[in-house]
Amino acid sequence: MTLSETQRDRIAATLAGIACEAGEILRAHHGGDCPHVIKPDGSPSSVADLQAEQLILSALAQACPGIPVVAEETCHNVPPADLFFLVDPLDGTRDFLAGNPEYSVNIGLVEGNRPVAAALAAPGVARVWFAGTSAFEAPIRAGRVEAAHPIHARQAPPAGLVALVSRRHGDSETEACLAGLPIESRRGAASALKFCLIASGEADIYVRCGPTMEWDTAAGDHVLTVAGGCVVAPTGRPMVYGRHALSYRNGPFAALGDPAYLDRLDLPDRGPLMRPQGEVLAELHPAVNPEPSPR
């Protein structure tokens, strides 16, 4: 099945509404003593995560019946299909529990191995981004999407790049990668919100060498890519999605507003299984052909 441009745009708008509804659940818990547990991987899972995920699963089943959903909390081991959703009901749970408003709801629809429609709501800062064939941002008011406007990533400023850096996940490999680029300043930001700040032209680069999952990145990847930027794996290829055999784990990646800096990236190699991600998918699922390099 190949979705038409009209279908992609319609689904993206629907996902934006669902993400904002889920965001209202998160806002109701934010700033309080939200009950949570620590999962075996060391990450927290809260009542807010679970309630938001249940709303999203129910809404997707009604809006897009028959399309499987891979979601972080309750259905993270569902195998992919030709068309499937990747959902993170609360990206940035640690920051959320600490009172940071930069958490997000991420919903991406993947066709083949790339997202084709997505929404990312950041209820704590009252902003939502969504993209089908075009990328948009809108304010959130009372859990609803207000008038949206188109967005586009900016060209790299002559003075140097503004890098978005994680407040909780710094590492030496990320620092080494940034050291090879003309970074003018750094700005701390949490969650997948970083992809969308670049898509809106407010920053230029986000490098992540530490562990992430596909539901962390799919929505932001699509918004930024449609806005004119790119999200790439170590060889400069686009990220690919649906790697069930790898438990949906990502390798290192970089999100860029200006693809002109692709050739200056030096992301670390994770060995044969992660070099490059597209080849991994082809090896595990020979019928899927990764997209060509944007270089």
C-alpha atoms as a PDB file:
ATOM      1  CA  MET A   1       0.000   0.000   0.000  1.00  0.00           C
ATOM      2  CA  THR A   2       1.267   3.450  -0.946  1.00  0.00           C
ATOM      3  CA  LEU A   3      -0.424   6.427   0.669  1.00  0.00           C
ATOM      4  CA  SER A   4      -1.307   9.394  -1.518  1.00  0.00           C
ATOM      5  CA  GLU A   5      -0.139  12.888  -0.622  1.00  0.00           C
ATOM      6  CA  THR A   6      -3.691  13.772   0.395  1.00  0.00           C
ATOM      7  CA  GLN A   7      -3.869  10.754   2.706  1.00  0.00           C
ATOM      8  CA  ARG A   8      -0.524  11.585   4.293  1.00  0.00           C
ATOM      9  CA  ASP A   9      -1.569  15.163   4.985  1.00  0.00           C
ATOM     10  CA  ARG A  10      -4.923  14.100   6.399  1.00  0.00           C
ATOM     11  CA  ILE A  11      -3.334  11.522   8.670  1.00  0.00           C
ATOM     12  CA  ALA A  12      -0.718  14.031   9.883  1.00  0.00           C
ATOM     13  CA  ALA A  13      -3.453  16.465  10.918  1.00  0.00           C
ATOM     14  CA  THR A  14      -5.295  13.639  12.694  1.00  0.00           C
ATOM     15  CA  LEU A  15      -2.120  12.621  14.539  1.00  0.00           C
ATOM     16  CA  ALA A  16      -1.606  16.213  15.673  1.00  0.00           C
ATOM     17  CA  GLY A  17      -5.046  16.209  17.265  1.00  0.00           C
ATOM     18  CA  ILE A  18      -4.434  12.862  18.970  1.00  0.00           C
ATOM     19  CA  ALA A  19      -1.024  13.977  20.258  1.00  0.00           C
ATOM     20  CA  CYS A  20      -2.546  17.134  21.742  1.00  0.00           C
ATOM     21  CA  GLU A  21      -5.291  15.133  23.454  1.00  0.00           C
ATOM     22  CA  ALA A  22      -2.669  12.848  24.986  1.00  0.00           C
ATOM     23  CA  GLY A  23      -0.739  15.923  26.013  1.00  0.00           C
ATOM     24  CA  GLU A  24      -3.636  17.052  28.166  1.00  0.00           C
ATOM     25  CA  ILE A  25      -3.266  13.857  30.195  1.00  0.00           C
ATOM     26  CA  LEU A  26       0.415  14.612  30.661  1.00  0.00           C
ATOM     27  CA  ARG A  27      -0.246  18.209  31.676  1.00  0.00           C
ATOM     28  CA  ALA A  28      -2.656  17.015  34.353  1.00  0.00           C
ATOM     29  CA  HIS A  29       0.150  14.972  35.950  1.00  0.00           C
ATOM     30  CA  HIS A  30       3.009  17.405  35.380  1.00  0.00           C
ATOM     31  CA  GLY A  31       4.385  19.202  38.388  1.00  0.00           C
ATOM     32  CA  GLY A  32       2.836  16.782  40.858  1.00  0.00           C
ATOM     33  CA  ASP A  33       3.901  13.539  42.459  1.00  0.00           C
ATOM     34  CA  CYS A  34       3.275  11.285  39.486  1.00  0.00           C
ATOM     35  CA  PRO A  35       3.595   7.598  40.475  1.00  0.00           C
ATOM     36  CA  HIS A  36       6.256   5.788  38.481  1.00  0.00           C
ATOM     37  CA  VAL A  37       8.468   2.721  38.381  1.00  0.00           C
ATOM     38  CA  ILE A  38      11.932   2.024  36.995  1.00  0.00           C
ATOM     39  CA  LYS A  39      11.951  -0.442  34.097  1.00  0.00           C
ATOM     40  CA  PRO A  40      14.644  -3.129  33.651  1.00  0.00           C
ATOM     41  CA  ASP A  41      16.559  -0.869  31.251  1.00  0.00           C
ATOM     42  CA  GLY A  42      16.826   1.793  33.968  1.00  0.00           C
ATOM     43  CA  SER A  43      14.340   4.218  32.415  1.00  0.00           C
ATOM     44  CA  PRO A  44      11.235   5.390  34.279  1.00  0.00           C
ATOM     45  CA  SER A  45       7.643   4.638  33.344  1.00  0.00           C
ATOM     46  CA  SER A  46       4.907   6.687  34.953  1.00  0.00           C
ATOM     47  CA  VAL A  47       1.148   6.618  35.276  1.00  0.00           C
ATOM     48  CA  ALA A  48       1.152   9.537  32.832  1.00  0.00           C
ATOM     49  CA  ASP A  49       3.002   7.447  30.198  1.00  0.00           C
ATOM     50  CA  LEU A  50       0.490   4.625  30.522  1.00  0.00           C
ATOM     51  CA  GLN A  51      -2.641   6.763  30.464  1.00  0.00           C
ATOM     52  CA  ALA A  52      -1.433   8.774  27.469  1.00  0.00           C
ATOM     53  CA  GLU A  53      -0.522   5.596  25.593  1.00  0.00           C
ATOM     54  CA  GLN A  54      -3.949   4.079  26.177  1.00  0.00           C
ATOM     55  CA  LEU A  55      -5.627   7.193  24.791  1.00  0.00           C
ATOM     56  CA  ILE A  56      -3.358   7.142  21.721  1.00  0.00           C
ATOM     57  CA  LEU A  57      -3.919   3.434  21.063  1.00  0.00           C
ATOM     58  CA  SER A  58      -7.678   3.853  21.292  1.00  0.00           C
ATOM     59  CA  ALA A  59      -7.678   6.936  19.054  1.00  0.00           C
ATOM     60  CA  LEU A  60      -5.463   5.298  16.422  1.00  0.00           C
ATOM     61  CA  ALA A  61      -7.646   2.180  16.387  1.00  0.00           C
ATOM     62  CA  GLN A  62     -10.645   4.389  15.650  1.00  0.00           C
ATOM     63  CA  ALA A  63      -8.977   6.712  13.139  1.00  0.00           C
ATOM     64  CA  CYS A  64      -6.783   4.146  11.324  1.00  0.00           C
ATOM     65  CA  PRO A  65      -8.230   0.676  11.991  1.00  0.00           C
ATOM     66  CA  GLY A  66      -6.074  -2.288  11.084  1.00  0.00           C
ATOM     67  CA  ILE A  67      -2.721  -0.484  11.184  1.00  0.00           C
ATOM     68  CA  PRO A  68      -0.485  -2.052  13.874  1.00  0.00           C
ATOM     69  CA  VAL A  69       1.066   0.133  16.560  1.00  0.00           C
ATOM     70  CA  VAL A  70       4.484  -0.230  18.153  1.00  0.00           C
ATOM     71  CA  ALA A  71       4.355   1.794  21.369  1.00  0.00           C
ATOM     72  CA  GLU A  72       6.940   2.107  24.115  1.00  0.00           C
ATOM     73  CA  GLU A  73       5.005   1.085  27.185  1.00  0.00           C
ATOM     74  CA  THR A  74       2.513  -1.677  26.365  1.00  0.00           C
ATOM     75  CA  CYS A  75       3.210  -2.955  22.827  1.00  0.00           C
ATOM     76  CA  HIS A  76       6.906  -2.368  22.170  1.00  0.00           C
ATOM     77  CA  ASN A  77       7.489  -5.856  20.770  1.00  0.00           C
ATOM     78  CA  VAL A  78       4.801  -5.802  18.072  1.00  0.00           C
ATOM     79  CA  PRO A  79       6.391  -6.667  14.707  1.00  0.00           C
ATOM     80  CA  PRO A  80       6.317  -4.026  11.963  1.00  0.00           C
ATOM     81  CA  ALA A  81       4.155  -4.173   8.836  1.00  0.00           C
ATOM     82  CA  ASP A  82       4.202  -2.414   5.476  1.00  0.00           C
ATOM     83  CA  LEU A  83       2.395   0.396   7.300  1.00  0.00           C
ATOM     84  CA  PHE A  84       2.692   0.813  11.080  1.00  0.00           C
ATOM     85  CA  PHE A  85       2.761   3.435  13.819  1.00  0.00           C
ATOM     86  CA  LEU A  86       5.629   4.201  16.196  1.00  0.00           C
ATOM     87  CA  VAL A  87       4.437   5.858  19.408  1.00  0.00           C
ATOM     88  CA  ASP A  88       6.158   7.371  22.410  1.00  0.00           C
ATOM     89  CA  PRO A  89       3.384   8.659  24.693  1.00  0.00           C
ATOM     90  CA  LEU A  90       5.827  10.615  26.866  1.00  0.00           C
ATOM     91  CA  ASP A  91       9.280  11.333  25.526  1.00  0.00           C
ATOM     92  CA  GLY A  92      11.498  12.788  28.226  1.00  0.00           C
ATOM     93  CA  THR A  93       9.939  11.047  31.218  1.00  0.00           C
ATOM     94  CA  ARG A  94      12.849  11.812  33.550  1.00  0.00           C
ATOM     95  CA  ASP A  95      12.616  15.522  32.755  1.00  0.00           C
ATOM     96  CA  PHE A  96       8.830  15.367  33.043  1.00  0.00           C
ATOM     97  CA  LEU A  97       9.070  13.874  36.527  1.00  0.00           C
ATOM     98  CA  ALA A  98      11.629  16.536  37.465  1.00  0.00           C
ATOM     99  CA  GLY A  99       9.240  19.315  36.424  1.00  0.00           C
ATOM    100  CA  ASN A 100      10.872  20.242  33.104  1.00  0.00           C
ATOM    101  CA  PRO A 101       8.218  21.388  30.579  1.00  0.00           C
ATOM    102  CA  GLU A 102      10.159  20.129  27.523  1.00  0.00           C
ATOM    103  CA  TYR A 103       8.514  16.725  27.219  1.00  0.00           C
ATOM    104  CA  SER A 104       6.664  15.522  24.139  1.00  0.00           C
ATOM    105  CA  VAL A 105       4.167  13.101  22.623  1.00  0.00           C
ATOM    106  CA  ASN A 106       5.575  11.449  19.473  1.00  0.00           C
ATOM    107  CA  ILE A 107       3.463   9.646  16.853  1.00  0.00           C
ATOM    108  CA  GLY A 108       4.892   8.577  13.510  1.00  0.00           C
ATOM    109  CA  LEU A 109       3.367   6.541  10.687  1.00  0.00           C
ATOM    110  CA  VAL A 110       5.969   4.432   8.863  1.00  0.00           C
ATOM    111  CA  GLU A 111       5.508   3.125   5.325  1.00  0.00           C
ATOM    112  CA  GLY A 112       8.182   0.610   4.324  1.00  0.00           C
ATOM    113  CA  ASN A 113      11.144   1.825   6.348  1.00  0.00           C
ATOM    114  CA  ARG A 114      10.562   5.593   6.506  1.00  0.00           C
ATOM    115  CA  PRO A 115       7.982   7.782   8.251  1.00  0.00           C
ATOM    116  CA  VAL A 116       5.413   9.379   5.945  1.00  0.00           C
ATOM    117  CA  ALA A 117       3.207  11.243   8.439  1.00  0.00           C
ATOM    118  CA  ALA A 118       3.940  12.395  11.967  1.00  0.00           C
ATOM    119  CA  ALA A 119       3.037  14.664  14.835  1.00  0.00           C
ATOM    120  CA  LEU A 120       4.954  15.787  17.885  1.00  0.00           C
ATOM    121  CA  ALA A 121       3.140  17.699  20.608  1.00  0.00           C
ATOM    122  CA  ALA A 122       4.962  19.557  23.371  1.00  0.00           C
ATOM    123  CA  PRO A 123       2.122  20.436  25.761  1.00  0.00           C
ATOM    124  CA  GLY A 124       4.436  21.929  28.359  1.00  0.00           C
ATOM    125  CA  VAL A 125       5.428  24.697  25.936  1.00  0.00           C
ATOM    126  CA  ALA A 126       2.035  24.753  24.127  1.00  0.00           C
ATOM    127  CA  ARG A 127       3.419  23.864  20.667  1.00  0.00           C
ATOM    128  CA  VAL A 128       2.673  21.080  18.197  1.00  0.00           C
ATOM    129  CA  TRP A 129       4.444  20.150  14.967  1.00  0.00           C
ATOM    130  CA  PHE A 130       3.114  17.857  12.272  1.00  0.00           C
ATOM    131  CA  ALA A 131       4.000  16.826   8.740  1.00  0.00           C
ATOM    132  CA  GLY A 132       2.687  14.778   5.868  1.00  0.00           C
ATOM    133  CA  THR A 133       4.005  16.228   2.620  1.00  0.00           C
ATOM    134  CA  SER A 134       4.557  19.665   4.216  1.00  0.00           C
ATOM    135  CA  ALA A 135       5.662  20.621   7.720  1.00  0.00           C
ATOM    136  CA  PHE A 136       3.661  22.818  10.081  1.00  0.00           C
ATOM    137  CA  GLU A 137       3.734  24.232  13.582  1.00  0.00           C
ATOM    138  CA  ALA A 138       0.748  25.394  15.610  1.00  0.00           C
ATOM    139  CA  PRO A 139       0.042  26.613  19.123  1.00  0.00           C
ATOM    140  CA  ILE A 140      -1.899  24.351  21.473  1.00  0.00           C
ATOM    141  CA  ARG A 141      -4.810  25.819  23.403  1.00  0.00           C
ATOM    142  CA  ALA A 142      -6.986  23.734  25.721  1.00  0.00           C
ATOM    143  CA  GLY A 143      -5.626  20.563  24.163  1.00  0.00           C
ATOM    144  CA  ARG A 144      -6.518  21.578  20.614  1.00  0.00           C
ATOM    145  CA  VAL A 145      -4.474  22.519  17.560  1.00  0.00           C
ATOM    146  CA  GLU A 146      -4.860  26.197  16.713  1.00  0.00           C
ATOM    147  CA  ALA A 147      -4.112  27.851  13.337  1.00  0.00           C
ATOM    148  CA  ALA A 148      -1.030  26.193  11.853  1.00  0.00           C
ATOM    149  CA  HIS A 149       1.699  27.830   9.794  1.00  0.00           C
ATOM    150  CA  PRO A 150       4.305  26.209   7.531  1.00  0.00           C
ATOM    151  CA  ILE A 151       7.879  25.857   8.762  1.00  0.00           C
ATOM    152  CA  HIS A 152      11.255  25.359   7.107  1.00  0.00           C
ATOM    153  CA  ALA A 153      14.686  24.649   8.517  1.00  0.00           C
ATOM    154  CA  ARG A 154      17.167  27.468   8.047  1.00  0.00           C
ATOM    155  CA  GLN A 155      20.471  27.626   6.213  1.00  0.00           C
ATOM    156  CA  ALA A 156      23.477  27.489   8.505  1.00  0.00           C
ATOM    157  CA  PRO A 157      24.194  30.975   9.898  1.00  0.00           C
ATOM    158  CA  PRO A 158      27.542  32.501   8.802  1.00  0.00           C
ATOM    159  CA  ALA A 159      28.534  32.933  12.460  1.00  0.00           C
ATOM    160  CA  GLY A 160      28.283  29.189  13.115  1.00  0.00           C
ATOM    161  CA  LEU A 161      25.813  26.521  14.142  1.00  0.00           C
ATOM    162  CA  VAL A 162      23.530  26.477  17.164  1.00  0.00           C
ATOM    163  CA  ALA A 163      23.759  22.957  18.616  1.00  0.00           C
ATOM    164  CA  LEU A 164      21.005  21.461  20.727  1.00  0.00           C
ATOM    165  CA  VAL A 165      22.418  19.254  23.459  1.00  0.00           C
ATOM    166  CA  SER A 166      20.763  16.874  25.893  1.00  0.00           C
ATOM    167  CA  ARG A 167      20.851  17.911  29.517  1.00  0.00           C
ATOM    168  CA  ARG A 168      20.986  14.288  30.700  1.00  0.00           C
ATOM    169  CA  HIS A 169      22.734  12.347  27.942  1.00  0.00           C
ATOM    170  CA  GLY A 170      26.095  13.943  27.142  1.00  0.00           C
ATOM    171  CA  ASP A 171      28.939  11.643  26.099  1.00  0.00           C
ATOM    172  CA  SER A 172      32.465  11.867  24.700  1.00  0.00           C
ATOM    173  CA  GLU A 173      31.495  10.572  21.242  1.00  0.00           C
ATOM    174  CA  THR A 174      28.905  13.299  20.805  1.00  0.00           C
ATOM    175  CA  GLU A 175      31.437  15.879  21.943  1.00  0.00           C
ATOM    176  CA  ALA A 176      34.002  14.579  19.453  1.00  0.00           C
ATOM    177  CA  CYS A 177      31.485  14.827  16.618  1.00  0.00           C
ATOM    178  CA  LEU A 178      30.524  18.382  17.520  1.00  0.00           C
ATOM    179  CA  ALA A 179      34.191  19.357  17.834  1.00  0.00           C
ATOM    180  CA  GLY A 180      34.608  18.891  14.073  1.00  0.00           C
ATOM    181  CA  LEU A 181      31.857  21.394  13.254  1.00  0.00           C
ATOM    182  CA  PRO A 182      31.703  25.212  13.454  1.00  0.00           C
ATOM    183  CA  ILE A 183      29.547  25.382  16.589  1.00  0.00           C
ATOM    184  CA  GLU A 184      28.820  28.970  17.591  1.00  0.00           C
ATOM    185  CA  SER A 185      26.720  28.190  20.663  1.00  0.00           C
ATOM    186  CA  ARG A 186      24.944  25.404  22.518  1.00  0.00           C
ATOM    187  CA  ARG A 187      21.449  25.238  23.894  1.00  0.00           C
ATOM    188  CA  GLY A 188      20.156  22.640  26.304  1.00  0.00           C
ATOM    189  CA  ALA A 189      16.890  20.995  25.319  1.00  0.00           C
ATOM    190  CA  ALA A 190      15.023  17.870  26.335  1.00  0.00           C
ATOM    191  CA  SER A 191      13.225  15.114  24.436  1.00  0.00           C
ATOM    192  CA  ALA A 192      12.462  14.887  20.719  1.00  0.00           C
ATOM    193  CA  LEU A 193      11.548  18.564  20.851  1.00  0.00           C
ATOM    194  CA  LYS A 194      15.089  19.132  19.524  1.00  0.00           C
ATOM    195  CA  PHE A 195      14.157  17.855  16.044  1.00  0.00           C
ATOM    196  CA  CYS A 196      11.291  20.314  15.824  1.00  0.00           C
ATOM    197  CA  LEU A 197      13.242  23.325  17.059  1.00  0.00           C
ATOM    198  CA  ILE A 198      15.637  22.691  14.176  1.00  0.00           C
ATOM    199  CA  ALA A 199      12.694  22.251  11.778  1.00  0.00           C
ATOM    200  CA  SER A 200      11.337  25.635  12.907  1.00  0.00           C
ATOM    201  CA  GLY A 201      14.665  27.326  12.209  1.00  0.00           C
ATOM    202  CA  GLU A 202      15.542  27.956  15.852  1.00  0.00           C
ATOM    203  CA  ALA A 203      18.699  25.816  15.890  1.00  0.00           C
ATOM    204  CA  ASP A 204      20.908  23.892  13.476  1.00  0.00           C
ATOM    205  CA  ILE A 205      22.143  20.534  14.731  1.00  0.00           C
ATOM    206  CA  TYR A 206      21.453  17.764  17.230  1.00  0.00           C
ATOM    207  CA  VAL A 207      23.872  14.848  17.544  1.00  0.00           C
ATOM    208  CA  ARG A 208      23.037  11.765  19.581  1.00  0.00           C
ATOM    209  CA  CYS A 209      25.494   8.909  19.995  1.00  0.00           C
ATOM    210  CA  GLY A 210      23.926   7.357  23.074  1.00  0.00           C
ATOM    211  CA  PRO A 211      21.050   4.846  22.984  1.00  0.00           C
ATOM    212  CA  THR A 212      17.629   5.773  21.626  1.00  0.00           C
ATOM    213  CA  MET A 213      14.655   3.844  20.281  1.00  0.00           C
ATOM    214  CA  GLU A 214      12.792   4.216  17.017  1.00  0.00           C
ATOM    215  CA  TRP A 215       9.703   5.631  18.745  1.00  0.00           C
ATOM    216  CA  ASP A 216      11.941   8.377  20.147  1.00  0.00           C
ATOM    217  CA  THR A 217      12.949   9.613  16.709  1.00  0.00           C
ATOM    218  CA  ALA A 218      10.459   8.696  13.956  1.00  0.00           C
ATOM    219  CA  ALA A 219       8.081  11.634  14.397  1.00  0.00           C
ATOM    220  CA  GLY A 220      10.773  14.277  14.790  1.00  0.00           C
ATOM    221  CA  ASP A 221      12.776  12.780  11.930  1.00  0.00           C
ATOM    222  CA  HIS A 222       9.833  13.161   9.547  1.00  0.00           C
ATOM    223  CA  VAL A 223       8.955  16.705  10.623  1.00  0.00           C
ATOM    224  CA  LEU A 224      12.556  17.849  10.184  1.00  0.00           C
ATOM    225  CA  THR A 225      13.085  16.013   6.889  1.00  0.00           C
ATOM    226  CA  VAL A 226       9.921  17.480   5.354  1.00  0.00           C
ATOM    227  CA  ALA A 227      10.971  20.922   6.646  1.00  0.00           C
ATOM    228  CA  GLY A 228      14.122  20.673   4.523  1.00  0.00           C
ATOM    229  CA  GLY A 229      16.595  19.214   7.014  1.00  0.00           C
ATOM    230  CA  CYS A 230      17.777  15.645   7.425  1.00  0.00           C
ATOM    231  CA  VAL A 231      18.372  12.980  10.056  1.00  0.00           C
ATOM    232  CA  VAL A 232      21.188  10.618   9.177  1.00  0.00           C
ATOM    233  CA  ALA A 233      23.005   7.523  10.390  1.00  0.00           C
ATOM    234  CA  PRO A 234      26.846   7.245  10.416  1.00  0.00           C
ATOM    235  CA  THR A 235      27.333   6.897   6.636  1.00  0.00           C
ATOM    236  CA  GLY A 236      25.083   9.813   5.800  1.00  0.00           C
ATOM    237  CA  ARG A 237      22.125   7.605   4.929  1.00  0.00           C
ATOM    238  CA  PRO A 238      18.658   8.441   6.240  1.00  0.00           C
ATOM    239  CA  MET A 239      17.529   6.663   9.385  1.00  0.00           C
ATOM    240  CA  VAL A 240      15.381   3.598   8.751  1.00  0.00           C
ATOM    241  CA  TYR A 241      12.603   2.139  10.876  1.00  0.00           C
ATOM    242  CA  GLY A 242      11.019  -1.224  11.591  1.00  0.00           C
ATOM    243  CA  ARG A 243      14.068  -3.140  12.853  1.00  0.00           C
ATOM    244  CA  HIS A 244      12.198  -5.553  15.087  1.00  0.00           C
ATOM    245  CA  ALA A 245      15.183  -7.942  15.199  1.00  0.00           C
ATOM    246  CA  LEU A 246      17.176  -5.152  16.886  1.00  0.00           C
ATOM    247  CA  SER A 247      14.313  -4.417  19.321  1.00  0.00           C
ATOM    248  CA  TYR A 248      13.773  -1.109  17.512  1.00  0.00           C
ATOM    249  CA  ARG A 249      17.081   0.317  18.757  1.00  0.00           C
ATOM    250  CA  ASN A 250      18.707   3.199  16.900  1.00  0.00           C
ATOM    251  CA  GLY A 251      22.393   3.706  16.310  1.00  0.00           C
ATOM    252  CA  PRO A 252      24.139   7.092  16.449  1.00  0.00           C
ATOM    253  CA  PHE A 253      22.517   9.823  14.385  1.00  0.00           C
ATOM    254  CA  ALA A 254      22.671  13.512  13.597  1.00  0.00           C
ATOM    255  CA  ALA A 255      19.781  15.879  12.872  1.00  0.00           C
ATOM    256  CA  LEU A 256      20.721  18.815  10.643  1.00  0.00           C
ATOM    257  CA  GLY A 257      18.784  21.817   9.481  1.00  0.00           C
ATOM    258  CA  ASP A 258      21.235  22.459   6.643  1.00  0.00           C
ATOM    259  CA  PRO A 259      22.259  19.254   4.790  1.00  0.00           C
ATOM    260  CA  ALA A 260      25.330  21.090   3.466  1.00  0.00           C
ATOM    261  CA  TYR A 261      27.157  19.963   6.621  1.00  0.00           C
ATOM    262  CA  LEU A 262      26.642  16.249   5.971  1.00  0.00           C
ATOM    263  CA  ASP A 263      30.181  15.737   4.671  1.00  0.00           C
ATOM    264  CA  ARG A 264      31.648  17.179   7.859  1.00  0.00           C
ATOM    265  CA  LEU A 265      29.926  14.751  10.195  1.00  0.00           C
ATOM    266  CA  ASP A 266      31.958  12.010  11.838  1.00  0.00           C
ATOM    267  CA  LEU A 267      29.468   9.832  13.678  1.00  0.00           C
ATOM    268  CA  PRO A 268      30.906   6.765  15.464  1.00  0.00           C
ATOM    269  CA  ASP A 269      30.559   3.333  13.916  1.00  0.00           C
ATOM    270  CA  ARG A 270      28.853   0.646  15.995  1.00  0.00           C
ATOM    271  CA  GLY A 271      30.173  -2.328  14.020  1.00  0.00           C
ATOM    272  CA  PRO A 272      28.598  -4.584  11.384  1.00  0.00           C
ATOM    273  CA  LEU A 273      25.089  -4.635  12.877  1.00  0.00           C
ATOM    274  CA  MET A 274      24.807  -0.876  12.755  1.00  0.00           C
ATOM    275  CA  ARG A 275      26.837  -0.039   9.605  1.00  0.00           C
ATOM    276  CA  PRO A 276      24.846   1.430   8.024  1.00  0.00           C
ATOM    277  CA  GLN A 277      21.326   1.048   9.370  1.00  0.00           C
ATOM    278  CA  GLY A 278      19.861   0.601   5.903  1.00  0.00           C
ATOM    279  CA  GLU A 279      22.085  -2.376   5.234  1.00  0.00           C
ATOM    280  CA  VAL A 280      21.041  -3.931   8.518  1.00  0.00           C
ATOM    281  CA  LEU A 281      17.409  -3.735   7.473  1.00  0.00           C
ATOM    282  CA  ALA A 282      18.172  -5.222   4.057  1.00  0.00           C
ATOM    283  CA  GLU A 283      20.017  -8.093   5.730  1.00  0.00           C
ATOM    284  CA  LEU A 284      17.184  -8.835   8.137  1.00  0.00           C
ATOM    285  CA  HIS A 285      14.340  -8.091   5.721  1.00  0.00           C
ATOM    286  CA  PRO A 286      15.657  -8.509   2.156  1.00  0.00           C
ATOM    287  CA  ALA A 287      12.416  -7.295   0.565  1.00  0.00           C
ATOM    288  CA  VAL A 288      12.888  -3.794   1.976  1.00  0.00           C
ATOM    289  CA  ASN A 289      15.170  -1.462   0.075  1.00  0.00           C
ATOM    290  CA  PRO A 290      16.616   1.444   2.076  1.00  0.00           C
ATOM    291  CA  GLU A 291      16.420   4.886   0.594  1.00  0.00           C
ATOM    292  CA  PRO A 292      19.553   6.148  -1.161  1.00  0.00           C
ATOM    293  CA  SER A 293      22.018   8.437   0.511  1.00  0.00           C
ATOM    294  CA  PRO A 294      21.082  12.144   0.349  1.00  0.00           C
ATOM    295  CA  ARG A 295      24.655  13.086  -0.496  1.00  0.00           C
END
